Amino acid sequence: MTKNILPDLLSSWEETYKKGQLTLWIFLALKDGQKYVDEIKEFIESKSKNTINCEEQSLYRNLRKYEHIDVVTFENKKGNKGPDRKYYFLTKMGNELLEKFIERNIELFFSTEIKNILKK
């Protein structure tokens, strides 16, 4: 019985994990350089090895929220074809926020103690 629910439990955990990771992935995409929404989506899917997929509407909603709190901004630039595009990038405060988040939440996975636990 337990083995039958394992795939469902794993899927549920991964979905929760992925939703919580979207902000980190958006910030990483913008730390890599200015991008418009399609490029952010492509970055996230590519760098996460397609384990995280996001809808454009979700990206736009998050980017508007980040603009509102001044951690992301944009410049209008010419697109390859058609109208200008919004190229998003991290503000100074956005870069500082990402750095602090990485220090507090990501770097701990590189400690010897945690690496040893993960290897067990």
PDB file of N, CA and C in Angstrom:
ATOM      1  N   MET A   1       0.821  -1.201   0.000  1.00  0.00           N
ATOM      2  CA  MET A   1       0.000   0.000   0.000  1.00  0.00           C
ATOM      3  C   MET A   1       0.859   1.257   0.000  1.00  0.00           C
ATOM      4  N   THR A   2       1.919   1.292   0.816  1.00  0.00           N
ATOM      5  CA  THR A   2       2.779   2.469   0.926  1.00  0.00           C
ATOM      6  C   THR A   2       3.447   2.802  -0.397  1.00  0.00           C
ATOM      7  N   LYS A   3       3.929   1.792  -1.111  1.00  0.00           N
ATOM      8  CA  LYS A   3       4.600   2.039  -2.390  1.00  0.00           C
ATOM      9  C   LYS A   3       3.649   2.644  -3.412  1.00  0.00           C
ATOM     10  N   ASN A   4       2.353   2.358  -3.287  1.00  0.00           N
ATOM     11  CA  ASN A   4       1.375   2.881  -4.232  1.00  0.00           C
ATOM     12  C   ASN A   4       1.180   4.387  -4.103  1.00  0.00           C
ATOM     13  N   ILE A   5       1.363   4.920  -2.901  1.00  0.00           N
ATOM     14  CA  ILE A   5       1.144   6.364  -2.717  1.00  0.00           C
ATOM     15  C   ILE A   5       2.435   7.170  -2.862  1.00  0.00           C
ATOM     16  N   LEU A   6       3.570   6.506  -2.902  1.00  0.00           N
ATOM     17  CA  LEU A   6       4.847   7.219  -3.005  1.00  0.00           C
ATOM     18  C   LEU A   6       4.905   8.163  -4.206  1.00  0.00           C
ATOM     19  N   PRO A   7       4.540   7.728  -5.415  1.00  0.00           N
ATOM     20  CA  PRO A   7       4.590   8.668  -6.554  1.00  0.00           C
ATOM     21  C   PRO A   7       3.701   9.896  -6.359  1.00  0.00           C
ATOM     22  N   ASP A   8       2.517   9.688  -5.764  1.00  0.00           N
ATOM     23  CA  ASP A   8       1.614  10.820  -5.519  1.00  0.00           C
ATOM     24  C   ASP A   8       2.180  11.770  -4.474  1.00  0.00           C
ATOM     25  N   LEU A   9       2.763  11.213  -3.421  1.00  0.00           N
ATOM     26  CA  LEU A   9       3.379  12.049  -2.393  1.00  0.00           C
ATOM     27  C   LEU A   9       4.530  12.863  -2.961  1.00  0.00           C
ATOM     28  N   LEU A  10       5.364  12.213  -3.768  1.00  0.00           N
ATOM     29  CA  LEU A  10       6.490  12.905  -4.386  1.00  0.00           C
ATOM     30  C   LEU A  10       6.010  14.016  -5.310  1.00  0.00           C
ATOM     31  N   SER A  11       5.013  13.740  -6.126  1.00  0.00           N
ATOM     32  CA  SER A  11       4.471  14.762  -7.038  1.00  0.00           C
ATOM     33  C   SER A  11       3.907  15.949  -6.271  1.00  0.00           C
ATOM     34  N   SER A  12       3.189  15.667  -5.201  1.00  0.00           N
ATOM     35  CA  SER A  12       2.616  16.731  -4.386  1.00  0.00           C
ATOM     36  C   SER A  12       3.708  17.599  -3.771  1.00  0.00           C
ATOM     37  N   TRP A  13       4.732  16.964  -3.220  1.00  0.00           N
ATOM     38  CA  TRP A  13       5.847  17.690  -2.618  1.00  0.00           C
ATOM     39  C   TRP A  13       6.551  18.535  -3.672  1.00  0.00           C
ATOM     40  N   GLU A  14       6.802  17.959  -4.842  1.00  0.00           N
ATOM     41  CA  GLU A  14       7.488  18.694  -5.910  1.00  0.00           C
ATOM     42  C   GLU A  14       6.679  19.896  -6.375  1.00  0.00           C
ATOM     43  N   GLU A  15       5.369  19.770  -6.490  1.00  0.00           N
ATOM     44  CA  GLU A  15       4.537  20.894  -6.912  1.00  0.00           C
ATOM     45  C   GLU A  15       4.618  22.040  -5.915  1.00  0.00           C
ATOM     46  N   THR A  16       4.557  21.718  -4.639  1.00  0.00           N
ATOM     47  CA  THR A  16       4.681  22.738  -3.599  1.00  0.00           C
ATOM     48  C   THR A  16       6.056  23.394  -3.658  1.00  0.00           C
ATOM     49  N   TYR A  17       7.093  22.584  -3.807  1.00  0.00           N
ATOM     50  CA  TYR A  17       8.469  23.059  -3.893  1.00  0.00           C
ATOM     51  C   TYR A  17       8.639  23.995  -5.087  1.00  0.00           C
ATOM     52  N   LYS A  18       8.121  23.601  -6.236  1.00  0.00           N
ATOM     53  CA  LYS A  18       8.279  24.395  -7.460  1.00  0.00           C
ATOM     54  C   LYS A  18       7.597  25.756  -7.343  1.00  0.00           C
ATOM     55  N   LYS A  19       6.413  25.787  -6.765  1.00  0.00           N
ATOM     56  CA  LYS A  19       5.709  27.064  -6.596  1.00  0.00           C
ATOM     57  C   LYS A  19       6.521  28.011  -5.728  1.00  0.00           C
ATOM     58  N   GLY A  20       7.152  27.480  -4.715  1.00  0.00           N
ATOM     59  CA  GLY A  20       7.967  28.297  -3.830  1.00  0.00           C
ATOM     60  C   GLY A  20       9.284  28.738  -4.452  1.00  0.00           C
ATOM     61  N   GLN A  21       9.708  28.068  -5.489  1.00  0.00           N
ATOM     62  CA  GLN A  21      10.985  28.368  -6.128  1.00  0.00           C
ATOM     63  C   GLN A  21      10.882  29.394  -7.255  1.00  0.00           C
ATOM     64  N   LEU A  22       9.695  29.735  -7.699  1.00  0.00           N
ATOM     65  CA  LEU A  22       9.548  30.608  -8.865  1.00  0.00           C
ATOM     66  C   LEU A  22      10.240  31.954  -8.679  1.00  0.00           C
ATOM     67  N   THR A  23      10.110  32.557  -7.517  1.00  0.00           N
ATOM     68  CA  THR A  23      10.768  33.845  -7.276  1.00  0.00           C
ATOM     69  C   THR A  23      12.279  33.712  -7.427  1.00  0.00           C
ATOM     70  N   LEU A  24      12.852  32.683  -6.836  1.00  0.00           N
ATOM     71  CA  LEU A  24      14.294  32.469  -6.961  1.00  0.00           C
ATOM     72  C   LEU A  24      14.692  32.337  -8.421  1.00  0.00           C
ATOM     73  N   TRP A  25      13.973  31.540  -9.186  1.00  0.00           N
ATOM     74  CA  TRP A  25      14.327  31.337 -10.594  1.00  0.00           C
ATOM     75  C   TRP A  25      14.173  32.614 -11.422  1.00  0.00           C
ATOM     76  N   ILE A  26      13.153  33.406 -11.146  1.00  0.00           N
ATOM     77  CA  ILE A  26      12.993  34.680 -11.861  1.00  0.00           C
ATOM     78  C   ILE A  26      14.169  35.594 -11.539  1.00  0.00           C
ATOM     79  N   PHE A  27      14.523  35.689 -10.265  1.00  0.00           N
ATOM     80  CA  PHE A  27      15.647  36.537  -9.873  1.00  0.00           C
ATOM     81  C   PHE A  27      16.959  36.042 -10.488  1.00  0.00           C
ATOM     82  N   LEU A  28      17.168  34.733 -10.536  1.00  0.00           N
ATOM     83  CA  LEU A  28      18.376  34.197 -11.172  1.00  0.00           C
ATOM     84  C   LEU A  28      18.402  34.541 -12.660  1.00  0.00           C
ATOM     85  N   ALA A  29      17.263  34.443 -13.310  1.00  0.00           N
ATOM     86  CA  ALA A  29      17.186  34.785 -14.735  1.00  0.00           C
ATOM     87  C   ALA A  29      17.577  36.241 -14.956  1.00  0.00           C
ATOM     88  N   LEU A  30      17.118  37.129 -14.079  1.00  0.00           N
ATOM     89  CA  LEU A  30      17.404  38.554 -14.238  1.00  0.00           C
ATOM     90  C   LEU A  30      18.819  38.899 -13.788  1.00  0.00           C
ATOM     91  N   LYS A  31      19.359  38.144 -12.840  1.00  0.00           N
ATOM     92  CA  LYS A  31      20.756  38.361 -12.446  1.00  0.00           C
ATOM     93  C   LYS A  31      21.675  38.031 -13.620  1.00  0.00           C
ATOM     94  N   ASP A  32      21.255  37.083 -14.447  1.00  0.00           N
ATOM     95  CA  ASP A  32      22.007  36.684 -15.631  1.00  0.00           C
ATOM     96  C   ASP A  32      22.014  37.787 -16.692  1.00  0.00           C
ATOM     97  N   GLY A  33      21.096  38.747 -16.595  1.00  0.00           N
ATOM     98  CA  GLY A  33      21.034  39.863 -17.538  1.00  0.00           C
ATOM     99  C   GLY A  33      19.594  40.239 -17.838  1.00  0.00           C
ATOM    100  N   GLN A  34      19.414  41.389 -18.484  1.00  0.00           N
ATOM    101  CA  GLN A  34      18.071  41.853 -18.831  1.00  0.00           C
ATOM    102  C   GLN A  34      17.395  40.845 -19.748  1.00  0.00           C
ATOM    103  N   LYS A  35      16.112  40.618 -19.500  1.00  0.00           N
ATOM    104  CA  LYS A  35      15.362  39.667 -20.312  1.00  0.00           C
ATOM    105  C   LYS A  35      13.914  40.111 -20.432  1.00  0.00           C
ATOM    106  N   TYR A  36      13.294  39.749 -21.548  1.00  0.00           N
ATOM    107  CA  TYR A  36      11.856  39.911 -21.656  1.00  0.00           C
ATOM    108  C   TYR A  36      11.206  38.593 -21.238  1.00  0.00           C
ATOM    109  N   VAL A  37       9.902  38.584 -21.068  1.00  0.00           N
ATOM    110  CA  VAL A  37       9.212  37.464 -20.427  1.00  0.00           C
ATOM    111  C   VAL A  37       9.508  36.118 -21.092  1.00  0.00           C
ATOM    112  N   ASP A  38       9.487  36.061 -22.415  1.00  0.00           N
ATOM    113  CA  ASP A  38       9.778  34.785 -23.087  1.00  0.00           C
ATOM    114  C   ASP A  38      11.180  34.282 -22.746  1.00  0.00           C
ATOM    115  N   GLU A  39      12.126  35.195 -22.635  1.00  0.00           N
ATOM    116  CA  GLU A  39      13.499  34.803 -22.293  1.00  0.00           C
ATOM    117  C   GLU A  39      13.592  34.337 -20.840  1.00  0.00           C
ATOM    118  N   ILE A  40      12.845  34.960 -19.955  1.00  0.00           N
ATOM    119  CA  ILE A  40      12.816  34.531 -18.556  1.00  0.00           C
ATOM    120  C   ILE A  40      12.262  33.113 -18.482  1.00  0.00           C
ATOM    121  N   LYS A  41      11.164  32.880 -19.176  1.00  0.00           N
ATOM    122  CA  LYS A  41      10.532  31.552 -19.208  1.00  0.00           C
ATOM    123  C   LYS A  41      11.510  30.514 -19.754  1.00  0.00           C
ATOM    124  N   GLU A  42      12.170  30.842 -20.843  1.00  0.00           N
ATOM    125  CA  GLU A  42      13.135  29.929 -21.451  1.00  0.00           C
ATOM    126  C   GLU A  42      14.311  29.648 -20.505  1.00  0.00           C
ATOM    127  N   PHE A  43      14.810  30.680 -19.840  1.00  0.00           N
ATOM    128  CA  PHE A  43      15.906  30.520 -18.880  1.00  0.00           C
ATOM    129  C   PHE A  43      15.501  29.547 -17.777  1.00  0.00           C
ATOM    130  N   ILE A  44      14.333  29.780 -17.184  1.00  0.00           N
ATOM    131  CA  ILE A  44      13.881  28.955 -16.066  1.00  0.00           C
ATOM    132  C   ILE A  44      13.735  27.499 -16.493  1.00  0.00           C
ATOM    133  N   GLU A  45      13.090  27.290 -17.618  1.00  0.00           N
ATOM    134  CA  GLU A  45      12.881  25.915 -18.068  1.00  0.00           C
ATOM    135  C   GLU A  45      14.196  25.238 -18.442  1.00  0.00           C
ATOM    136  N   SER A  46      15.069  25.972 -19.096  1.00  0.00           N
ATOM    137  CA  SER A  46      16.348  25.403 -19.506  1.00  0.00           C
ATOM    138  C   SER A  46      17.251  25.110 -18.314  1.00  0.00           C
ATOM    139  N   LYS A  47      17.451  26.097 -17.458  1.00  0.00           N
ATOM    140  CA  LYS A  47      18.374  25.939 -16.322  1.00  0.00           C
ATOM    141  C   LYS A  47      17.851  24.974 -15.269  1.00  0.00           C
ATOM    142  N   SER A  48      16.534  24.806 -15.181  1.00  0.00           N
ATOM    143  CA  SER A  48      15.973  23.843 -14.227  1.00  0.00           C
ATOM    144  C   SER A  48      15.838  22.457 -14.865  1.00  0.00           C
ATOM    145  N   LYS A  49      16.366  22.328 -16.070  1.00  0.00           N
ATOM    146  CA  LYS A  49      16.286  21.058 -16.818  1.00  0.00           C
ATOM    147  C   LYS A  49      14.833  20.614 -16.969  1.00  0.00           C
ATOM    148  N   ASN A  50      13.987  21.605 -17.260  1.00  0.00           N
ATOM    149  CA  ASN A  50      12.553  21.402 -17.490  1.00  0.00           C
ATOM    150  C   ASN A  50      11.803  20.825 -16.291  1.00  0.00           C
ATOM    151  N   THR A  51      12.352  20.969 -15.104  1.00  0.00           N
ATOM    152  CA  THR A  51      11.611  20.532 -13.921  1.00  0.00           C
ATOM    153  C   THR A  51      10.672  21.626 -13.443  1.00  0.00           C
ATOM    154  N   ILE A  52      10.929  22.865 -13.855  1.00  0.00           N
ATOM    155  CA  ILE A  52      10.041  23.979 -13.502  1.00  0.00           C
ATOM    156  C   ILE A  52       9.548  24.622 -14.790  1.00  0.00           C
ATOM    157  N   ASN A  53       8.242  24.600 -14.950  1.00  0.00           N
ATOM    158  CA  ASN A  53       7.600  25.245 -16.087  1.00  0.00           C
ATOM    159  C   ASN A  53       6.695  26.328 -15.534  1.00  0.00           C
ATOM    160  N   CYS A  54       6.629  27.441 -16.234  1.00  0.00           N
ATOM    161  CA  CYS A  54       5.786  28.524 -15.743  1.00  0.00           C
ATOM    162  C   CYS A  54       5.028  29.144 -16.905  1.00  0.00           C
ATOM    163  N   GLU A  55       3.846  29.591 -16.599  1.00  0.00           N
ATOM    164  CA  GLU A  55       3.024  30.258 -17.603  1.00  0.00           C
ATOM    165  C   GLU A  55       3.413  31.730 -17.664  1.00  0.00           C
ATOM    166  N   GLU A  56       3.282  32.315 -18.842  1.00  0.00           N
ATOM    167  CA  GLU A  56       3.623  33.730 -19.003  1.00  0.00           C
ATOM    168  C   GLU A  56       2.804  34.603 -18.066  1.00  0.00           C
ATOM    169  N   GLN A  57       1.517  34.294 -17.892  1.00  0.00           N
ATOM    170  CA  GLN A  57       0.674  35.094 -17.007  1.00  0.00           C
ATOM    171  C   GLN A  57       1.206  35.095 -15.582  1.00  0.00           C
ATOM    172  N   SER A  58       1.703  33.961 -15.148  1.00  0.00           N
ATOM    173  CA  SER A  58       2.278  33.850 -13.811  1.00  0.00           C
ATOM    174  C   SER A  58       3.533  34.716 -13.705  1.00  0.00           C
ATOM    175  N   LEU A  59       4.347  34.703 -14.755  1.00  0.00           N
ATOM    176  CA  LEU A  59       5.550  35.550 -14.763  1.00  0.00           C
ATOM    177  C   LEU A  59       5.175  37.025 -14.732  1.00  0.00           C
ATOM    178  N   TYR A  60       4.233  37.438 -15.575  1.00  0.00           N
ATOM    179  CA  TYR A  60       3.807  38.845 -15.597  1.00  0.00           C
ATOM    180  C   TYR A  60       3.265  39.273 -14.231  1.00  0.00           C
ATOM    181  N   ARG A  61       2.454  38.423 -13.621  1.00  0.00           N
ATOM    182  CA  ARG A  61       1.877  38.738 -12.310  1.00  0.00           C
ATOM    183  C   ARG A  61       2.988  38.933 -11.271  1.00  0.00           C
ATOM    184  N   ASN A  62       3.953  38.023 -11.271  1.00  0.00           N
ATOM    185  CA  ASN A  62       5.062  38.144 -10.328  1.00  0.00           C
ATOM    186  C   ASN A  62       5.923  39.365 -10.619  1.00  0.00           C
ATOM    187  N   LEU A  63       6.212  39.627 -11.876  1.00  0.00           N
ATOM    188  CA  LEU A  63       7.043  40.780 -12.234  1.00  0.00           C
ATOM    189  C   LEU A  63       6.375  42.092 -11.823  1.00  0.00           C
ATOM    190  N   ARG A  64       5.058  42.185 -12.001  1.00  0.00           N
ATOM    191  CA  ARG A  64       4.338  43.395 -11.552  1.00  0.00           C
ATOM    192  C   ARG A  64       4.465  43.567 -10.038  1.00  0.00           C
ATOM    193  N   LYS A  65       4.348  42.456  -9.319  1.00  0.00           N
ATOM    194  CA  LYS A  65       4.482  42.505  -7.850  1.00  0.00           C
ATOM    195  C   LYS A  65       5.888  42.977  -7.471  1.00  0.00           C
ATOM    196  N   TYR A  66       6.909  42.460  -8.148  1.00  0.00           N
ATOM    197  CA  TYR A  66       8.299  42.838  -7.849  1.00  0.00           C
ATOM    198  C   TYR A  66       8.569  44.293  -8.228  1.00  0.00           C
ATOM    199  N   GLU A  67       7.948  44.766  -9.319  1.00  0.00           N
ATOM    200  CA  GLU A  67       8.086  46.180  -9.699  1.00  0.00           C
ATOM    201  C   GLU A  67       7.493  47.064  -8.611  1.00  0.00           C
ATOM    202  N   HIS A  68       6.344  46.652  -8.106  1.00  0.00           N
ATOM    203  CA  HIS A  68       5.634  47.434  -7.087  1.00  0.00           C
ATOM    204  C   HIS A  68       6.482  47.635  -5.827  1.00  0.00           C
ATOM    205  N   ILE A  69       7.317  46.665  -5.498  1.00  0.00           N
ATOM    206  CA  ILE A  69       8.161  46.788  -4.299  1.00  0.00           C
ATOM    207  C   ILE A  69       9.597  47.193  -4.656  1.00  0.00           C
ATOM    208  N   ASP A  70       9.812  47.613  -5.900  1.00  0.00           N
ATOM    209  CA  ASP A  70      11.082  48.183  -6.369  1.00  0.00           C
ATOM    210  C   ASP A  70      12.284  47.233  -6.312  1.00  0.00           C
ATOM    211  N   VAL A  71      12.043  45.951  -6.555  1.00  0.00           N
ATOM    212  CA  VAL A  71      13.173  45.023  -6.658  1.00  0.00           C
ATOM    213  C   VAL A  71      13.425  44.614  -8.109  1.00  0.00           C
ATOM    214  N   VAL A  72      12.473  44.919  -8.979  1.00  0.00           N
ATOM    215  CA  VAL A  72      12.601  44.679 -10.418  1.00  0.00           C
ATOM    216  C   VAL A  72      12.086  45.917 -11.128  1.00  0.00           C
ATOM    217  N   THR A  73      12.714  46.231 -12.249  1.00  0.00           N
ATOM    218  CA  THR A  73      12.222  47.300 -13.106  1.00  0.00           C
ATOM    219  C   THR A  73      12.410  46.854 -14.549  1.00  0.00           C
ATOM    220  N   PHE A  74      12.088  47.734 -15.492  1.00  0.00           N
ATOM    221  CA  PHE A  74      12.214  47.352 -16.901  1.00  0.00           C
ATOM    222  C   PHE A  74      12.553  48.561 -17.757  1.00  0.00           C
ATOM    223  N   GLU A  75      13.035  48.255 -18.951  1.00  0.00           N
ATOM    224  CA  GLU A  75      13.258  49.255 -19.993  1.00  0.00           C
ATOM    225  C   GLU A  75      12.537  48.775 -21.237  1.00  0.00           C
ATOM    226  N   ASN A  76      11.920  49.696 -21.944  1.00  0.00           N
ATOM    227  CA  ASN A  76      11.346  49.344 -23.242  1.00  0.00           C
ATOM    228  C   ASN A  76      12.459  49.382 -24.276  1.00  0.00           C
ATOM    229  N   LYS A  77      12.581  48.299 -25.035  1.00  0.00           N
ATOM    230  CA  LYS A  77      13.585  48.210 -26.100  1.00  0.00           C
ATOM    231  C   LYS A  77      12.942  47.596 -27.331  1.00  0.00           C
ATOM    232  N   LYS A  78      13.567  47.841 -28.454  1.00  0.00           N
ATOM    233  CA  LYS A  78      13.097  47.264 -29.708  1.00  0.00           C
ATOM    234  C   LYS A  78      13.160  45.746 -29.639  1.00  0.00           C
ATOM    235  N   GLY A  79      12.091  45.108 -30.097  1.00  0.00           N
ATOM    236  CA  GLY A  79      12.075  43.660 -30.225  1.00  0.00           C
ATOM    237  C   GLY A  79      12.594  43.278 -31.602  1.00  0.00           C
ATOM    238  N   ASN A  80      12.760  41.979 -31.843  1.00  0.00           N
ATOM    239  CA  ASN A  80      13.242  41.524 -33.156  1.00  0.00           C
ATOM    240  C   ASN A  80      12.256  41.912 -34.245  1.00  0.00           C
ATOM    241  N   LYS A  81      10.981  41.848 -33.906  1.00  0.00           N
ATOM    242  CA  LYS A  81       9.944  42.267 -34.840  1.00  0.00           C
ATOM    243  C   LYS A  81       8.768  42.766 -34.032  1.00  0.00           C
ATOM    244  N   GLY A  82       8.011  43.649 -34.591  1.00  0.00           N
ATOM    245  CA  GLY A  82       6.846  44.147 -33.882  1.00  0.00           C
ATOM    246  C   GLY A  82       7.175  45.257 -32.905  1.00  0.00           C
ATOM    247  N   PRO A  83       6.300  45.424 -31.899  1.00  0.00           N
ATOM    248  CA  PRO A  83       6.439  46.546 -30.954  1.00  0.00           C
ATOM    249  C   PRO A  83       7.615  46.365 -29.990  1.00  0.00           C
ATOM    250  N   ASP A  84       7.901  47.457 -29.271  1.00  0.00           N
ATOM    251  CA  ASP A  84       8.930  47.399 -28.233  1.00  0.00           C
ATOM    252  C   ASP A  84       8.550  46.346 -27.188  1.00  0.00           C
ATOM    253  N   ARG A  85       9.581  45.839 -26.519  1.00  0.00           N
ATOM    254  CA  ARG A  85       9.363  44.858 -25.457  1.00  0.00           C
ATOM    255  C   ARG A  85       9.876  45.420 -24.148  1.00  0.00           C
ATOM    256  N   LYS A  86       9.292  44.912 -23.061  1.00  0.00           N
ATOM    257  CA  LYS A  86       9.788  45.257 -21.731  1.00  0.00           C
ATOM    258  C   LYS A  86      10.915  44.296 -21.390  1.00  0.00           C
ATOM    259  N   TYR A  87      12.096  44.850 -21.183  1.00  0.00           N
ATOM    260  CA  TYR A  87      13.244  44.062 -20.741  1.00  0.00           C
ATOM    261  C   TYR A  87      13.406  44.298 -19.244  1.00  0.00           C
ATOM    262  N   TYR A  88      13.192  43.245 -18.468  1.00  0.00           N
ATOM    263  CA  TYR A  88      13.214  43.333 -17.011  1.00  0.00           C
ATOM    264  C   TYR A  88      14.624  43.113 -16.477  1.00  0.00           C
ATOM    265  N   PHE A  89      14.900  43.749 -15.342  1.00  0.00           N
ATOM    266  CA  PHE A  89      16.177  43.543 -14.654  1.00  0.00           C
ATOM    267  C   PHE A  89      16.013  43.864 -13.175  1.00  0.00           C
ATOM    268  N   LEU A  90      16.945  43.347 -12.378  1.00  0.00           N
ATOM    269  CA  LEU A  90      16.918  43.582 -10.938  1.00  0.00           C
ATOM    270  C   LEU A  90      17.415  44.987 -10.632  1.00  0.00           C
ATOM    271  N   THR A  91      16.779  45.635  -9.687  1.00  0.00           N
ATOM    272  CA  THR A  91      17.272  46.918  -9.187  1.00  0.00           C
ATOM    273  C   THR A  91      18.420  46.626  -8.224  1.00  0.00           C
ATOM    274  N   LYS A  92      19.028  47.675  -7.723  1.00  0.00           N
ATOM    275  CA  LYS A  92      20.088  47.491  -6.724  1.00  0.00           C
ATOM    276  C   LYS A  92      19.539  46.731  -5.517  1.00  0.00           C
ATOM    277  N   MET A  93      18.353  47.117  -5.065  1.00  0.00           N
ATOM    278  CA  MET A  93      17.752  46.431  -3.925  1.00  0.00           C
ATOM    279  C   MET A  93      17.400  44.984  -4.284  1.00  0.00           C
ATOM    280  N   GLY A  94      16.982  44.741  -5.509  1.00  0.00           N
ATOM    281  CA  GLY A  94      16.684  43.378  -5.947  1.00  0.00           C
ATOM    282  C   GLY A  94      17.918  42.492  -5.916  1.00  0.00           C
ATOM    283  N   ASN A  95      19.056  43.036  -6.368  1.00  0.00           N
ATOM    284  CA  ASN A  95      20.317  42.283  -6.302  1.00  0.00           C
ATOM    285  C   ASN A  95      20.712  41.998  -4.859  1.00  0.00           C
ATOM    286  N   GLU A  96      20.554  42.995  -3.992  1.00  0.00           N
ATOM    287  CA  GLU A  96      20.882  42.799  -2.579  1.00  0.00           C
ATOM    288  C   GLU A  96      19.963  41.757  -1.949  1.00  0.00           C
ATOM    289  N   LEU A  97      18.685  41.805  -2.284  1.00  0.00           N
ATOM    290  CA  LEU A  97      17.722  40.841  -1.767  1.00  0.00           C
ATOM    291  C   LEU A  97      18.104  39.420  -2.191  1.00  0.00           C
ATOM    292  N   LEU A  98      18.462  39.249  -3.460  1.00  0.00           N
ATOM    293  CA  LEU A  98      18.870  37.930  -3.955  1.00  0.00           C
ATOM    294  C   LEU A  98      20.118  37.443  -3.239  1.00  0.00           C
ATOM    295  N   GLU A  99      21.096  38.316  -3.092  1.00  0.00           N
ATOM    296  CA  GLU A  99      22.335  37.934  -2.392  1.00  0.00           C
ATOM    297  C   GLU A  99      22.044  37.481  -0.965  1.00  0.00           C
ATOM    298  N   LYS A 100      21.209  38.225  -0.250  1.00  0.00           N
ATOM    299  CA  LYS A 100      20.870  37.860   1.134  1.00  0.00           C
ATOM    300  C   LYS A 100      20.101  36.542   1.181  1.00  0.00           C
ATOM    301  N   PHE A 101      19.189  36.354   0.240  1.00  0.00           N
ATOM    302  CA  PHE A 101      18.428  35.106   0.194  1.00  0.00           C
ATOM    303  C   PHE A 101      19.363  33.916  -0.027  1.00  0.00           C
ATOM    304  N   ILE A 102      20.297  34.065  -0.954  1.00  0.00           N
ATOM    305  CA  ILE A 102      21.255  32.996  -1.238  1.00  0.00           C
ATOM    306  C   ILE A 102      22.105  32.706  -0.005  1.00  0.00           C
ATOM    307  N   GLU A 103      22.589  33.751   0.654  1.00  0.00           N
ATOM    308  CA  GLU A 103      23.396  33.562   1.867  1.00  0.00           C
ATOM    309  C   GLU A 103      22.624  32.794   2.935  1.00  0.00           C
ATOM    310  N   ARG A 104      21.358  33.132   3.123  1.00  0.00           N
ATOM    311  CA  ARG A 104      20.573  32.536   4.211  1.00  0.00           C
ATOM    312  C   ARG A 104      19.953  31.193   3.857  1.00  0.00           C
ATOM    313  N   ASN A 105      19.690  30.944   2.567  1.00  0.00           N
ATOM    314  CA  ASN A 105      18.891  29.777   2.223  1.00  0.00           C
ATOM    315  C   ASN A 105      19.522  28.797   1.236  1.00  0.00           C
ATOM    316  N   ILE A 106      20.498  29.226   0.479  1.00  0.00           N
ATOM    317  CA  ILE A 106      21.093  28.353  -0.534  1.00  0.00           C
ATOM    318  C   ILE A 106      22.481  27.873  -0.125  1.00  0.00           C
ATOM    319  N   GLU A 107      23.289  28.782   0.380  1.00  0.00           N
ATOM    320  CA  GLU A 107      24.673  28.421   0.714  1.00  0.00           C
ATOM    321  C   GLU A 107      24.767  27.327   1.762  1.00  0.00           C
ATOM    322  N   LEU A 108      23.750  27.189   2.595  1.00  0.00           N
ATOM    323  CA  LEU A 108      23.792  26.146   3.620  1.00  0.00           C
ATOM    324  C   LEU A 108      23.872  24.747   3.002  1.00  0.00           C
ATOM    325  N   PHE A 109      23.386  24.580   1.782  1.00  0.00           N
ATOM    326  CA  PHE A 109      23.459  23.280   1.109  1.00  0.00           C
ATOM    327  C   PHE A 109      24.881  22.927   0.670  1.00  0.00           C
ATOM    328  N   PHE A 110      25.784  23.889   0.741  1.00  0.00           N
ATOM    329  CA  PHE A 110      27.177  23.654   0.370  1.00  0.00           C
ATOM    330  C   PHE A 110      28.058  23.383   1.581  1.00  0.00           C
ATOM    331  N   SER A 111      27.464  23.395   2.778  1.00  0.00           N
ATOM    332  CA  SER A 111      28.243  23.090   3.977  1.00  0.00           C
ATOM    333  C   SER A 111      28.590  21.605   3.966  1.00  0.00           C
ATOM    334  N   THR A 112      29.724  21.270   4.535  1.00  0.00           N
ATOM    335  CA  THR A 112      30.180  19.882   4.577  1.00  0.00           C
ATOM    336  C   THR A 112      29.149  18.992   5.261  1.00  0.00           C
ATOM    337  N   GLU A 113      28.590  19.481   6.366  1.00  0.00           N
ATOM    338  CA  GLU A 113      27.621  18.687   7.119  1.00  0.00           C
ATOM    339  C   GLU A 113      26.404  18.321   6.262  1.00  0.00           C
ATOM    340  N   ILE A 114      25.842  19.286   5.581  1.00  0.00           N
ATOM    341  CA  ILE A 114      24.649  19.030   4.764  1.00  0.00           C
ATOM    342  C   ILE A 114      25.005  18.194   3.541  1.00  0.00           C
ATOM    343  N   LYS A 115      26.143  18.471   2.907  1.00  0.00           N
ATOM    344  CA  LYS A 115      26.567  17.649   1.752  1.00  0.00           C
ATOM    345  C   LYS A 115      26.710  16.188   2.165  1.00  0.00           C
ATOM    346  N   ASN A 116      27.247  15.938   3.341  1.00  0.00           N
ATOM    347  CA  ASN A 116      27.404  14.558   3.824  1.00  0.00           C
ATOM    348  C   ASN A 116      26.050  13.897   4.057  1.00  0.00           C
ATOM    349  N   ILE A 117      25.107  14.646   4.592  1.00  0.00           N
ATOM    350  CA  ILE A 117      23.770  14.099   4.809  1.00  0.00           C
ATOM    351  C   ILE A 117      23.123  13.758   3.468  1.00  0.00           C
ATOM    352  N   LEU A 118      23.278  14.645   2.495  1.00  0.00           N
ATOM    353  CA  LEU A 118      22.685  14.410   1.176  1.00  0.00           C
ATOM    354  C   LEU A 118      23.285  13.196   0.477  1.00  0.00           C
ATOM    355  N   LYS A 119      24.548  12.903   0.762  1.00  0.00           N
ATOM    356  CA  LYS A 119      25.231  11.757   0.137  1.00  0.00           C
ATOM    357  C   LYS A 119      24.823  10.423   0.746  1.00  0.00           C
ATOM    358  N   LYS A 120      24.289  10.437   1.965  1.00  0.00           N
ATOM    359  CA  LYS A 120      23.930   9.184   2.654  1.00  0.00           C
ATOM    360  C   LYS A 120      22.838   8.444   1.910  1.00  0.00           C
TER     361      LYS A 120
END
